[in-house]
Amino acid sequence: MENPANSMDLDDAYYVQLIHRLCMSGRYREALEFVQYTVSIGHPPNVPACTRLIQGLCRTKQVDKAIRVIKLLLAHGLRPHPSASSAMIEGLCKTHQLELAVNMAEDASSLGFPLESVTYDTVIRTLCDNDQIDEALQVLNQLLEKNICPEPLTYKILIEKACDGSGVDKAMEILHLVLAEGHVPDHFVYNFIIERLCKEERFEEADQFLKNKPELDSYSYCILLGSYCDLQRWEDAAGVILEMTQSGLDLDSLTCNTVIKSFCNVGLLSHSILVLEEMIARDIPTNTKTYDLLIRALYREGRIDMALELLDCLFSKDPIFIRKSYNSLISFLSKTGKIEQALEIILRPRREGTCSPDVSSYNTVITALCTAWNMEMAVELMDAMTREGLAPDVDTYNNLMKGFCRDGRLKDAMRLIKEMEYGKCKPIIGNYNSLIIALCKLHDIDMAIDILADMVNKGFKPNETIYMAIIKCIAQSGDRDLAKNLLYELVVRDAVSPGTPKWLAYLFCSPGKRNRR
């Protein structure tokens, strides 16, 4: 085929369009050959087209070829676009050619091509990932000398890595270096250093560092506050709160929750409740965490009645959050094996203006009962739920269905399916799947096929698991030829994966395998 460059004078538009099309279709080798050929016949490389090619080559880890394109541009006195230079160095980082990437970043100006700041970020992060902190610092110095400000995440990664490898003093040294050049990292960097200082119990330094932070926020104070509280240094904790308010910051949910959590952890529940009352008196917003901390602390001490009393008292003030805390308590009891206590809470008489269970509350306990093989109580609880005017949802039926199928109570499972079909909560494919698989395990192939047909008639598409359960059941009943033929038909229709026949033949149709009824 005749090369286009032989048959016509190349203009930039044609050149760019051709390279773009080749790159779009992933034909980077042909695009490179075209660029090299046009250069050999005297046509200079086109910067936009070569930029597109360099980016594609680097993206596919063909960095050596991208460097050849860069050299072609430089040989013709052309400056690569910053995005091309950046793509090349980022490609070197991805292919773990870090030394070459660093050298190119250092010599960028002398080579005649500029770099984007994001490229330096990539080099620094890659060096940090390889624990080459000193080399990363050298690249950072280059940025600062060029008055380029790295991304906040780059500062964070570098300081975290330096802290892990050389301690918090090294991290602070890097921060001071950045500040000296007039750059101010975001508050995440400051908070990270404050947190590390507190972990080393260098509280005076943390306090001084906090005061030097450009913008004060409650989160920074809470790091120091929480550390003092964990050590039960209550006077120091009070000093932090005083200092925080004197700096112009108001007490907020985060601060109060920090104190409540600390009091709860050491068993000072009365103090926690006083803090909550103060929050309400001062109109400081409460949230789910506030109540969860108190409710769980009360439960750990066995004071369930007091926990419920607290929920009831607060319900009118904050029904949404209290409802979440109520359900959190139910979930906590159910998942820790305290199902009887969860039942007592759910079944207690309702009183107007108090917290009462919703569908989610009932479902949590029903799930726990089904898991504990107490299906009778699970059904009774669903009936109680219905009497309270709450309609069972898909989760309610699904949990009961799985429990019945597991126990082999297929009549009860089918009754639930019918109840759903005639009710507002229609069956989902998972309900049919559970029932069919259970029928197959009991070798009731006729009923399984009837349910499958009913399922398809209602618009559900069976999955491979269902088909394989039925085929397995047929094979185990002794009719292996029918099982093989059915499997073949399903493979032809792409209903099951091609790898399935070998597996099934090995499992059910190998010589010497006995029929099972």
Protein backbone atom coordinates (compact mmCIF):
# COMPACT_ATOMS: atom_id res chain seq x y z
CA MET A 1 0.00 0.00 0.00
CA GLU A 2 1.37 3.39 -0.99
CA ASN A 3 2.34 5.63 1.94
CA PRO A 4 0.19 8.81 2.04
CA ALA A 5 3.32 10.87 2.49
CA ASN A 6 4.51 9.87 -1.03
CA SER A 7 1.33 10.84 -2.81
CA MET A 8 0.65 14.29 -1.41
CA ASP A 9 2.16 17.24 0.38
CA LEU A 10 1.37 16.82 4.05
CA ASP A 11 -0.39 19.66 5.77
CA ASP A 12 -0.76 19.91 9.52
CA ALA A 13 -4.49 19.15 9.52
CA TYR A 14 -4.05 15.88 7.63
CA TYR A 15 -1.01 14.94 9.70
CA VAL A 16 -2.81 15.48 13.02
CA GLN A 17 -5.98 13.72 11.85
CA LEU A 18 -4.11 10.63 10.68
CA ILE A 19 -2.06 10.29 13.88
CA HIS A 20 -5.19 10.87 15.95
CA ARG A 21 -7.09 8.10 14.14
CA LEU A 22 -4.22 5.64 14.50
CA CYS A 23 -3.92 6.40 18.21
CA MET A 24 -7.68 6.17 18.76
CA SER A 25 -7.60 2.63 17.38
CA GLY A 26 -4.55 1.71 19.47
CA ARG A 27 -2.23 1.45 16.46
CA TYR A 28 0.64 3.28 18.14
CA ARG A 29 3.39 1.35 16.35
CA GLU A 30 2.03 2.39 12.95
CA ALA A 31 1.64 5.98 14.14
CA LEU A 32 5.28 6.03 15.28
CA GLU A 33 6.45 4.54 11.98
CA PHE A 34 4.49 7.20 10.10
CA VAL A 35 6.07 10.01 12.14
CA GLN A 36 9.56 8.59 11.61
CA TYR A 37 8.95 8.13 7.89
CA THR A 38 7.67 11.67 7.34
CA VAL A 39 10.71 13.02 9.19
CA SER A 40 12.98 10.96 6.93
CA ILE A 41 11.50 12.60 3.81
CA GLY A 42 11.92 16.07 5.21
CA HIS A 43 8.58 16.79 6.88
CA PRO A 44 9.10 18.13 10.43
CA PRO A 45 7.14 16.47 13.27
CA ASN A 46 3.91 18.11 14.35
CA VAL A 47 3.77 18.98 18.08
CA PRO A 48 0.00 18.33 18.67
CA ALA A 49 0.14 15.01 16.80
CA CYS A 50 3.31 13.92 18.58
CA THR A 51 1.78 14.91 21.92
CA ARG A 52 -1.16 12.61 21.26
CA LEU A 53 1.22 9.80 20.28
CA ILE A 54 3.46 10.28 23.33
CA GLN A 55 0.47 10.15 25.67
CA GLY A 56 -0.77 6.94 24.06
CA LEU A 57 2.63 5.26 24.15
CA CYS A 58 3.12 6.15 27.82
CA ARG A 59 -0.37 4.99 28.71
CA THR A 60 0.47 1.58 27.22
CA LYS A 61 3.87 1.52 28.99
CA GLN A 62 5.88 1.97 25.76
CA VAL A 63 7.96 4.72 27.33
CA ASP A 64 11.11 3.92 25.32
CA LYS A 65 9.20 4.70 22.10
CA ALA A 66 7.78 7.88 23.63
CA ILE A 67 11.34 9.04 24.35
CA ARG A 68 12.18 8.53 20.66
CA VAL A 69 9.33 10.87 19.71
CA ILE A 70 10.55 13.46 22.26
CA LYS A 71 14.04 13.29 20.74
CA LEU A 72 12.61 13.81 17.25
CA LEU A 73 10.90 17.00 18.44
CA LEU A 74 14.05 18.30 20.16
CA ALA A 75 16.18 17.51 17.10
CA HIS A 76 13.97 19.83 15.06
CA GLY A 77 14.12 22.61 17.65
CA LEU A 78 10.53 22.00 18.79
CA ARG A 79 9.46 22.17 22.43
CA PRO A 80 7.23 19.31 23.56
CA HIS A 81 3.90 20.28 25.04
CA PRO A 82 3.91 20.14 28.89
CA SER A 83 1.34 17.35 28.84
CA ALA A 84 3.62 15.23 26.62
CA SER A 85 6.62 15.75 28.88
CA SER A 86 4.50 14.98 31.92
CA ALA A 87 3.03 11.85 30.34
CA MET A 88 6.53 10.57 29.62
CA ILE A 89 7.81 11.05 33.17
CA GLU A 90 4.60 9.61 34.64
CA GLY A 91 5.07 6.64 32.32
CA LEU A 92 8.58 6.14 33.66
CA CYS A 93 7.19 6.14 37.18
CA LYS A 94 4.56 3.55 36.29
CA THR A 95 7.20 1.30 34.73
CA HIS A 96 9.37 1.68 37.86
CA GLN A 97 12.15 3.53 36.04
CA LEU A 98 12.38 5.96 38.92
CA GLU A 99 16.00 6.99 38.50
CA LEU A 100 15.40 8.02 34.89
CA ALA A 101 12.16 9.79 35.87
CA VAL A 102 13.93 11.79 38.58
CA ASN A 103 16.81 12.66 36.25
CA MET A 104 14.41 13.89 33.59
CA ALA A 105 12.52 15.94 36.14
CA GLU A 106 15.79 17.49 37.35
CA ASP A 107 17.02 18.25 33.83
CA ALA A 108 13.66 19.36 32.43
CA SER A 109 14.70 22.95 31.81
CA SER A 110 18.04 22.10 30.20
CA LEU A 111 16.40 19.54 27.94
CA GLY A 112 14.07 22.21 26.66
CA PHE A 113 10.69 20.85 27.68
CA PRO A 114 8.53 22.06 30.56
CA LEU A 115 6.72 19.96 33.15
CA GLU A 116 3.30 20.29 34.73
CA SER A 117 3.15 20.46 38.53
CA VAL A 118 1.12 17.24 38.59
CA THR A 119 4.14 15.44 37.11
CA TYR A 120 6.31 16.42 40.04
CA ASP A 121 3.50 15.20 42.28
CA THR A 122 3.55 11.82 40.55
CA VAL A 123 7.33 11.52 40.95
CA ILE A 124 7.17 12.46 44.64
CA ARG A 125 4.34 10.04 45.38
CA THR A 126 6.05 7.19 43.52
CA LEU A 127 9.29 7.80 45.41
CA CYS A 128 7.35 7.85 48.68
CA ASP A 129 5.66 4.56 47.80
CA ASN A 130 9.16 3.11 47.41
CA ASP A 131 10.30 4.66 50.72
CA GLN A 132 12.80 6.91 48.93
CA ILE A 133 12.08 9.90 51.13
CA ASP A 134 15.38 11.75 50.56
CA GLU A 135 14.95 11.58 46.78
CA ALA A 136 11.35 12.78 47.15
CA LEU A 137 12.60 15.74 49.19
CA GLN A 138 15.04 16.65 46.43
CA VAL A 139 12.18 16.78 43.93
CA LEU A 140 10.14 18.84 46.39
CA ASN A 141 13.02 21.33 46.65
CA GLN A 142 12.98 21.69 42.86
CA LEU A 143 9.30 22.54 42.96
CA LEU A 144 9.77 25.11 45.68
CA GLU A 145 12.72 26.69 43.86
CA LYS A 146 10.54 27.04 40.77
CA ASN A 147 7.77 28.50 42.98
CA ILE A 148 5.49 25.58 42.06
CA CYS A 149 2.99 24.54 44.71
CA PRO A 150 2.41 20.77 44.92
CA GLU A 151 -1.04 19.30 45.39
CA PRO A 152 -2.21 19.08 49.05
CA LEU A 153 -2.31 15.29 48.77
CA THR A 154 1.37 15.27 47.79
CA TYR A 155 2.33 17.14 50.96
CA LYS A 156 0.21 14.74 52.97
CA ILE A 157 1.78 11.62 51.45
CA LEU A 158 5.34 12.95 51.81
CA ILE A 159 4.86 14.01 55.42
CA GLU A 160 3.13 10.76 56.37
CA LYS A 161 5.89 8.67 54.80
CA ALA A 162 8.59 10.79 56.41
CA CYS A 163 6.84 10.42 59.74
CA ASP A 164 6.60 6.63 59.41
CA GLY A 165 10.23 6.29 58.37
CA SER A 166 12.03 8.97 60.38
CA GLY A 167 9.56 10.13 63.01
CA VAL A 168 7.40 13.19 63.52
CA ASP A 169 10.42 15.51 63.79
CA LYS A 170 11.29 14.81 60.16
CA ALA A 171 7.70 15.54 59.16
CA MET A 172 7.81 18.87 60.99
CA GLU A 173 11.11 19.69 59.28
CA ILE A 174 9.48 19.19 55.88
CA LEU A 175 6.54 21.34 56.90
CA HIS A 176 8.84 24.19 58.01
CA LEU A 177 10.69 23.91 54.69
CA VAL A 178 7.44 24.32 52.79
CA LEU A 179 6.30 27.21 54.99
CA ALA A 180 9.64 28.99 54.50
CA GLU A 181 8.95 29.11 50.76
CA GLY A 182 5.58 30.76 51.37
CA HIS A 183 3.39 27.72 50.75
CA VAL A 184 0.72 26.74 53.27
CA PRO A 185 -0.39 23.07 53.31
CA ASP A 186 -4.02 22.28 54.10
CA HIS A 187 -5.29 21.48 57.58
CA PHE A 188 -5.00 17.71 57.04
CA VAL A 189 -1.21 17.98 57.19
CA TYR A 190 -1.32 19.98 60.43
CA ASN A 191 -3.82 17.60 62.00
CA PHE A 192 -1.72 14.59 61.04
CA ILE A 193 1.32 16.02 62.83
CA ILE A 194 -0.77 17.00 65.88
CA GLU A 195 -2.12 13.45 66.04
CA ARG A 196 1.37 11.93 65.85
CA LEU A 197 2.69 14.25 68.57
CA CYS A 198 -0.23 13.25 70.81
CA LYS A 199 0.42 9.55 70.21
CA GLU A 200 3.96 10.12 71.47
CA GLU A 201 2.47 12.07 74.44
CA ARG A 202 4.35 15.21 73.40
CA PHE A 203 1.37 17.31 74.40
CA GLU A 204 3.14 20.62 74.99
CA GLU A 205 4.62 20.50 71.48
CA ALA A 206 1.24 19.51 70.06
CA ASP A 207 -0.40 22.43 71.86
CA GLN A 208 2.23 24.88 70.60
CA PHE A 209 2.01 23.45 67.09
CA LEU A 210 -1.77 23.83 67.23
CA LYS A 211 -1.48 27.49 68.21
CA ASN A 212 0.80 28.13 65.22
CA LYS A 213 -1.70 26.62 62.79
CA PRO A 214 -2.85 29.28 60.24
CA GLU A 215 -6.54 28.45 60.63
CA LEU A 216 -7.87 26.97 63.85
CA ASP A 217 -10.72 24.44 63.76
CA SER A 218 -12.46 22.27 66.31
CA TYR A 219 -11.14 19.04 64.78
CA SER A 220 -7.55 19.99 65.62
CA TYR A 221 -8.50 20.79 69.21
CA CYS A 222 -10.43 17.52 69.47
CA ILE A 223 -7.31 15.51 68.63
CA LEU A 224 -5.57 17.01 71.65
CA LEU A 225 -8.74 16.89 73.76
CA GLY A 226 -9.36 13.21 73.00
CA SER A 227 -5.76 12.30 73.86
CA TYR A 228 -6.01 13.99 77.27
CA CYS A 229 -9.38 12.35 77.94
CA ASP A 230 -8.07 8.89 77.02
CA LEU A 231 -5.39 9.34 79.70
CA GLN A 232 -8.03 10.73 82.13
CA ARG A 233 -6.15 14.01 82.36
CA TRP A 234 -9.38 15.90 82.92
CA GLU A 235 -7.82 19.21 83.99
CA ASP A 236 -5.72 19.34 80.83
CA ALA A 237 -8.82 18.43 78.80
CA ALA A 238 -10.75 21.29 80.42
CA GLY A 239 -7.85 23.58 79.56
CA VAL A 240 -8.11 22.61 75.88
CA ILE A 241 -11.84 23.42 75.85
CA LEU A 242 -11.16 26.78 77.52
CA GLU A 243 -8.39 27.56 75.05
CA MET A 244 -10.66 26.57 72.18
CA THR A 245 -13.48 28.90 73.25
CA GLN A 246 -11.02 31.75 73.93
CA SER A 247 -9.73 31.41 70.37
CA GLY A 248 -13.24 32.22 69.09
CA LEU A 249 -14.46 28.70 68.34
CA ASP A 250 -17.81 27.56 69.71
CA LEU A 251 -18.42 24.17 71.25
CA ASP A 252 -19.83 21.83 68.62
CA SER A 253 -21.03 18.24 68.25
CA LEU A 254 -17.55 16.91 67.57
CA THR A 255 -16.13 18.40 70.77
CA CYS A 256 -19.02 17.22 72.95
CA ASN A 257 -19.02 13.74 71.42
CA THR A 258 -15.30 13.45 72.13
CA VAL A 259 -15.92 14.17 75.81
CA ILE A 260 -19.01 11.92 75.99
CA LYS A 261 -17.08 9.03 74.44
CA SER A 262 -14.25 9.41 76.96
CA PHE A 263 -16.64 9.52 79.92
CA CYS A 264 -18.50 6.46 78.62
CA ASN A 265 -15.25 4.52 78.14
CA VAL A 266 -14.29 4.95 81.81
CA GLY A 267 -17.79 4.37 83.17
CA LEU A 268 -18.63 7.98 84.04
CA LEU A 269 -22.13 7.77 82.58
CA SER A 270 -23.58 10.47 84.81
CA HIS A 271 -20.96 12.89 83.48
CA SER A 272 -21.83 11.89 79.90
CA ILE A 273 -25.51 12.61 80.50
CA LEU A 274 -24.63 16.01 81.98
CA VAL A 275 -22.73 16.84 78.78
CA LEU A 276 -25.75 15.77 76.71
CA GLU A 277 -28.06 17.96 78.80
CA GLU A 278 -25.67 20.87 78.32
CA MET A 279 -25.69 20.28 74.54
CA ILE A 280 -29.49 20.44 74.50
CA ALA A 281 -29.54 23.55 76.72
CA ARG A 282 -27.06 25.35 74.45
CA ASP A 283 -28.76 24.21 71.22
CA ILE A 284 -25.62 22.35 70.14
CA PRO A 285 -26.77 19.90 67.43
CA THR A 286 -26.86 16.28 68.52
CA ASN A 287 -26.49 13.38 66.11
CA THR A 288 -26.74 9.61 65.99
CA LYS A 289 -23.22 9.19 67.35
CA THR A 290 -24.11 11.24 70.43
CA TYR A 291 -26.97 8.94 71.34
CA ASP A 292 -25.25 5.72 70.26
CA LEU A 293 -22.35 6.41 72.62
CA LEU A 294 -24.69 6.82 75.57
CA ILE A 295 -27.11 4.02 74.69
CA ARG A 296 -24.35 1.46 74.19
CA ALA A 297 -22.61 2.54 77.39
CA LEU A 298 -25.87 2.06 79.30
CA TYR A 299 -26.37 -1.35 77.73
CA ARG A 300 -22.81 -2.45 78.59
CA GLU A 301 -23.62 -1.72 82.22
CA GLY A 302 -26.87 -3.68 81.93
CA ARG A 303 -29.05 -0.59 82.30
CA ILE A 304 -31.40 -1.34 79.40
CA ASP A 305 -34.41 0.29 81.08
CA MET A 306 -32.47 3.52 81.51
CA ALA A 307 -31.36 3.37 77.88
CA LEU A 308 -34.99 3.07 76.75
CA GLU A 309 -36.06 5.80 79.15
CA LEU A 310 -33.41 8.08 77.68
CA LEU A 311 -34.59 7.30 74.15
CA ASP A 312 -38.20 8.02 75.09
CA CYS A 313 -37.31 11.32 76.75
CA LEU A 314 -35.35 12.50 73.74
CA PHE A 315 -37.73 11.17 71.07
CA SER A 316 -39.86 14.31 70.81
CA LYS A 317 -36.75 16.51 70.56
CA ASP A 318 -35.00 14.60 67.78
CA PRO A 319 -37.17 11.75 66.42
CA ILE A 320 -35.04 10.98 63.35
CA PHE A 321 -31.76 10.52 65.20
CA ILE A 322 -33.44 8.78 68.14
CA ARG A 323 -35.08 6.31 65.76
CA LYS A 324 -31.65 5.46 64.35
CA SER A 325 -30.22 5.02 67.84
CA TYR A 326 -33.19 2.82 68.81
CA ASN A 327 -32.58 0.57 65.81
CA SER A 328 -28.87 0.60 66.56
CA LEU A 329 -29.62 -0.78 70.03
CA ILE A 330 -31.92 -3.47 68.60
CA SER A 331 -29.22 -4.44 66.10
CA PHE A 332 -26.54 -4.47 68.78
CA LEU A 333 -28.60 -6.79 71.01
CA SER A 334 -29.58 -9.09 68.13
CA LYS A 335 -26.05 -9.48 66.78
CA THR A 336 -24.54 -10.15 70.19
CA GLY A 337 -26.90 -13.03 70.99
CA LYS A 338 -29.22 -11.04 73.27
CA ILE A 339 -32.32 -11.81 71.19
CA GLU A 340 -34.62 -12.14 74.21
CA GLN A 341 -33.77 -8.62 75.33
CA ALA A 342 -34.30 -7.32 71.80
CA LEU A 343 -37.71 -9.02 71.76
CA GLU A 344 -38.65 -7.47 75.10
CA ILE A 345 -37.89 -4.01 73.73
CA ILE A 346 -39.81 -4.53 70.49
CA LEU A 347 -42.85 -6.10 72.14
CA ARG A 348 -43.19 -3.64 75.03
CA PRO A 349 -46.52 -1.76 75.05
CA ARG A 350 -46.55 1.34 72.88
CA ARG A 351 -47.06 4.75 74.42
CA GLU A 352 -47.75 7.93 72.52
CA GLY A 353 -44.71 10.16 72.16
CA THR A 354 -42.22 7.37 72.79
CA CYS A 355 -39.90 5.52 70.45
CA SER A 356 -41.50 2.44 68.90
CA PRO A 357 -40.23 -0.17 66.44
CA ASP A 358 -40.49 0.24 62.69
CA VAL A 359 -40.13 -2.31 59.87
CA SER A 360 -36.34 -2.16 60.12
CA SER A 361 -36.50 -2.94 63.86
CA TYR A 362 -38.66 -6.00 63.30
CA ASN A 363 -36.55 -7.22 60.38
CA THR A 364 -33.39 -7.09 62.49
CA VAL A 365 -34.87 -9.37 65.15
CA ILE A 366 -36.59 -11.65 62.61
CA THR A 367 -33.22 -12.13 60.89
CA ALA A 368 -31.60 -13.02 64.22
CA LEU A 369 -34.40 -15.49 65.05
CA CYS A 370 -34.13 -17.18 61.64
CA THR A 371 -30.37 -17.47 62.05
CA ALA A 372 -30.93 -19.01 65.50
CA TRP A 373 -33.33 -21.60 63.96
CA ASN A 374 -36.29 -20.18 65.89
CA MET A 375 -38.68 -20.00 62.95
CA GLU A 376 -41.85 -20.21 65.06
CA MET A 377 -40.95 -17.06 66.98
CA ALA A 378 -39.89 -15.35 63.75
CA VAL A 379 -43.34 -16.00 62.24
CA GLU A 380 -45.05 -14.81 65.43
CA LEU A 381 -43.02 -11.61 65.30
CA MET A 382 -44.06 -11.00 61.69
CA ASP A 383 -47.69 -11.46 62.75
CA ALA A 384 -47.18 -9.00 65.63
CA MET A 385 -45.65 -6.57 63.18
CA THR A 386 -48.71 -6.84 60.93
CA ARG A 387 -51.07 -6.29 63.89
CA GLU A 388 -49.22 -3.04 64.64
CA GLY A 389 -50.09 -1.82 61.14
CA LEU A 390 -46.62 -2.35 59.67
CA ALA A 391 -46.44 -4.18 56.34
CA PRO A 392 -43.69 -6.81 55.93
CA ASP A 393 -41.25 -5.92 53.16
CA VAL A 394 -38.97 -7.92 50.86
CA ASP A 395 -36.35 -8.37 53.59
CA THR A 396 -38.96 -9.76 55.99
CA TYR A 397 -40.18 -12.37 53.54
CA ASN A 398 -36.71 -13.16 52.24
CA ASN A 399 -35.32 -14.00 55.68
CA LEU A 400 -38.31 -16.19 56.52
CA MET A 401 -38.12 -17.86 53.11
CA LYS A 402 -34.44 -18.74 53.56
CA GLY A 403 -35.13 -20.11 57.03
CA PHE A 404 -38.00 -22.31 55.86
CA CYS A 405 -36.00 -23.61 52.88
CA ARG A 406 -33.01 -24.35 55.10
CA ASP A 407 -35.25 -26.34 57.47
CA GLY A 408 -36.95 -28.20 54.63
CA ARG A 409 -40.32 -26.59 55.43
CA LEU A 410 -41.17 -26.10 51.78
CA LYS A 411 -44.94 -25.86 52.27
CA ASP A 412 -44.39 -22.87 54.53
CA ALA A 413 -41.99 -21.37 51.99
CA MET A 414 -44.51 -21.81 49.17
CA ARG A 415 -47.23 -20.32 51.38
CA LEU A 416 -45.07 -17.21 51.76
CA ILE A 417 -44.58 -17.03 47.98
CA LYS A 418 -48.35 -17.15 47.45
CA GLU A 419 -48.88 -14.56 50.17
CA MET A 420 -46.45 -12.25 48.41
CA GLU A 421 -48.00 -12.86 44.98
CA TYR A 422 -51.43 -11.81 46.25
CA GLY A 423 -50.15 -8.99 48.44
CA LYS A 424 -48.46 -5.64 47.79
CA CYS A 425 -44.93 -6.97 48.34
CA LYS A 426 -44.25 -9.06 45.23
CA PRO A 427 -41.71 -11.92 45.19
CA ILE A 428 -38.20 -11.26 43.92
CA ILE A 429 -36.01 -13.67 41.99
CA GLY A 430 -34.11 -14.56 45.16
CA ASN A 431 -37.30 -15.96 46.72
CA TYR A 432 -37.83 -18.33 43.79
CA ASN A 433 -34.14 -19.27 43.74
CA SER A 434 -34.17 -20.27 47.42
CA LEU A 435 -37.27 -22.42 46.93
CA ILE A 436 -36.04 -24.17 43.76
CA ILE A 437 -32.64 -24.97 45.28
CA ALA A 438 -34.32 -26.36 48.41
CA LEU A 439 -36.63 -28.54 46.30
CA CYS A 440 -33.66 -29.86 44.33
CA LYS A 441 -31.82 -30.75 47.53
CA LEU A 442 -34.85 -32.84 48.51
CA HIS A 443 -34.85 -34.37 44.98
CA ASP A 444 -38.37 -33.06 44.27
CA ILE A 445 -37.55 -32.34 40.63
CA ASP A 446 -41.18 -32.14 39.45
CA MET A 447 -42.07 -29.41 41.93
CA ALA A 448 -38.81 -27.58 41.20
CA ILE A 449 -39.62 -27.49 37.48
CA ASP A 450 -43.18 -26.32 38.22
CA ILE A 451 -41.81 -23.43 40.32
CA LEU A 452 -39.27 -22.66 37.57
CA ALA A 453 -42.04 -22.51 34.96
CA ASP A 454 -44.14 -20.28 37.23
CA MET A 455 -41.13 -18.05 37.76
CA VAL A 456 -40.48 -17.69 34.01
CA ASN A 457 -44.17 -17.00 33.34
CA LYS A 458 -43.97 -14.08 35.77
CA GLY A 459 -41.10 -12.55 33.79
CA PHE A 460 -38.12 -13.67 35.88
CA LYS A 461 -35.02 -14.97 34.12
CA PRO A 462 -33.40 -17.95 35.89
CA ASN A 463 -29.66 -17.77 36.48
CA GLU A 464 -27.00 -20.42 36.06
CA THR A 465 -27.23 -21.51 39.70
CA ILE A 466 -30.88 -22.49 39.25
CA TYR A 467 -30.27 -24.37 36.02
CA MET A 468 -27.35 -26.27 37.52
CA ALA A 469 -29.35 -27.19 40.64
CA ILE A 470 -32.08 -28.73 38.46
CA ILE A 471 -29.60 -30.55 36.21
CA LYS A 472 -27.77 -31.89 39.25
CA CYS A 473 -31.07 -33.13 40.66
CA ILE A 474 -31.96 -34.88 37.39
CA ALA A 475 -28.51 -36.49 37.19
CA GLN A 476 -28.67 -37.74 40.76
CA SER A 477 -32.10 -39.24 40.11
CA GLY A 478 -30.42 -41.54 37.58
CA ASP A 479 -31.47 -39.91 34.29
CA ARG A 480 -27.99 -38.79 33.23
CA ASP A 481 -28.82 -38.67 29.54
CA LEU A 482 -31.60 -36.17 30.17
CA ALA A 483 -29.25 -34.12 32.37
CA LYS A 484 -26.58 -34.09 29.63
CA ASN A 485 -29.07 -33.14 26.91
CA LEU A 486 -30.57 -30.37 29.01
CA LEU A 487 -27.12 -29.05 29.80
CA TYR A 488 -26.15 -29.10 26.12
CA GLU A 489 -29.27 -27.13 25.19
CA LEU A 490 -28.54 -24.53 27.87
CA VAL A 491 -24.95 -24.11 26.69
CA VAL A 492 -26.12 -23.67 23.08
CA ARG A 493 -28.54 -20.96 24.25
CA ASP A 494 -25.81 -19.25 26.36
CA ALA A 495 -27.83 -19.87 29.52
CA VAL A 496 -24.84 -21.43 31.30
CA SER A 497 -21.11 -20.86 30.92
CA PRO A 498 -19.07 -23.03 28.52
CA GLY A 499 -16.87 -24.37 31.34
CA THR A 500 -19.83 -25.97 33.09
CA PRO A 501 -20.20 -29.21 30.99
CA LYS A 502 -16.72 -30.50 31.93
CA TRP A 503 -17.40 -29.85 35.61
CA LEU A 504 -20.81 -31.51 35.52
CA ALA A 505 -19.53 -34.52 33.57
CA TYR A 506 -16.78 -35.02 36.12
CA LEU A 507 -19.08 -34.59 39.09
CA PHE A 508 -22.13 -36.61 38.05
CA CYS A 509 -21.43 -38.64 34.95
CA SER A 510 -18.04 -40.21 35.67
CA PRO A 511 -17.89 -44.02 35.57
CA GLY A 512 -18.71 -45.83 38.78
CA LYS A 513 -20.75 -43.04 40.34
CA ARG A 514 -23.87 -44.46 41.89
CA ASN A 515 -27.32 -43.06 41.48
CA ARG A 516 -28.72 -41.39 44.58
CA ARG A 517 -32.35 -40.94 45.45
